[in-house]
Protein backbone atom coordinates (compact mmCIF):
# COMPACT_ATOMS: atom_id res chain seq x y z
CA UNK A 1 -0.01 -0.03 0.02
CA UNK A 2 1.36 3.40 -1.02
CA UNK A 3 0.33 6.65 0.53
CA UNK A 4 -1.00 9.41 -1.79
CA UNK A 5 1.34 12.41 -2.05
CA UNK A 6 0.09 15.37 -0.09
CA UNK A 7 0.86 19.08 -0.09
CA UNK A 8 1.73 20.73 3.22
CA UNK A 9 1.72 24.38 3.87
CA UNK A 10 4.43 24.00 6.57
CA UNK A 11 7.42 21.73 6.00
CA UNK A 12 7.69 18.63 8.11
CA UNK A 13 10.69 18.56 10.43
CA UNK A 14 11.12 15.03 11.87
CA UNK A 15 12.60 14.77 15.33
CA UNK A 16 16.21 13.41 15.77
CA UNK A 17 14.68 10.40 17.52
CA UNK A 18 12.47 9.71 14.52
CA UNK A 19 15.46 9.91 12.13
CA UNK A 20 17.47 7.66 14.36
CA UNK A 21 14.61 5.16 14.45
CA UNK A 22 14.43 5.27 10.65
CA UNK A 23 18.14 4.59 10.26
CA UNK A 24 18.13 1.86 12.88
CA UNK A 25 15.15 0.13 11.49
CA UNK A 26 16.84 0.12 8.12
CA UNK A 27 19.82 -1.52 9.66
CA UNK A 28 18.17 -4.00 12.01
CA UNK A 29 15.03 -4.77 10.03
CA UNK A 30 13.19 -5.15 13.27
CA UNK A 31 10.97 -2.78 15.33
CA UNK A 32 11.78 -4.59 18.55
CA UNK A 33 15.49 -4.46 18.03
CA UNK A 34 15.26 -0.84 17.07
CA UNK A 35 13.23 -0.03 20.18
CA UNK A 36 15.79 -1.87 22.34
CA UNK A 37 18.74 -0.17 20.65
CA UNK A 38 17.24 3.31 21.13
CA UNK A 39 15.63 2.80 24.53
CA UNK A 40 12.15 3.33 23.08
CA UNK A 41 8.99 1.34 23.12
CA UNK A 42 8.00 -0.58 19.98
CA UNK A 43 5.00 1.66 19.74
CA UNK A 44 7.11 4.78 19.72
CA UNK A 45 9.34 3.44 16.92
CA UNK A 46 6.23 2.49 14.84
CA UNK A 47 4.56 5.83 15.44
CA UNK A 48 7.76 7.71 14.50
CA UNK A 49 8.13 5.84 11.23
CA UNK A 50 4.45 6.19 10.38
CA UNK A 51 4.58 9.97 10.99
CA UNK A 52 7.53 10.38 8.64
CA UNK A 53 5.85 8.12 5.98
CA UNK A 54 2.64 10.15 6.32
CA UNK A 55 4.41 13.48 6.09
CA UNK A 56 6.28 12.58 2.90
CA UNK A 57 3.53 10.43 1.38
CA UNK A 58 5.88 7.51 1.10
CA UNK A 59 6.08 3.99 2.38
CA UNK A 60 9.68 3.40 3.39
CA UNK A 61 9.42 -0.31 4.47
CA UNK A 62 7.84 -3.44 3.20
CA UNK A 63 5.90 -4.75 6.16
CA UNK A 64 4.79 -8.05 4.55
CA UNK A 65 8.18 -9.72 5.05
CA UNK A 66 10.59 -10.20 7.95
CA UNK A 67 13.09 -8.72 8.45
CA UNK A 68 11.60 -5.42 7.27
CA UNK A 69 13.20 -4.19 3.99
CA UNK A 70 13.28 -0.73 2.44
CA UNK A 71 10.88 -0.22 -0.44
CA UNK A 72 12.23 1.03 -3.81
CA UNK A 73 10.75 4.53 -3.25
């Protein structure tokens, strides 16, 4: 599932924590390992990634396979 691109009046500025979660998830392929590595809950990691994806109208990870993999977008 791909999000539709949206137009925002104000630019989205992701938090440093969200960017760290994005990078860690790309490396580990696991929400639980990312949460453990960053000292966050799994819910916080998932929410951070979802917020970035929604803001940019992109899906960064394939969620239908494990470990998670980056999409081609």
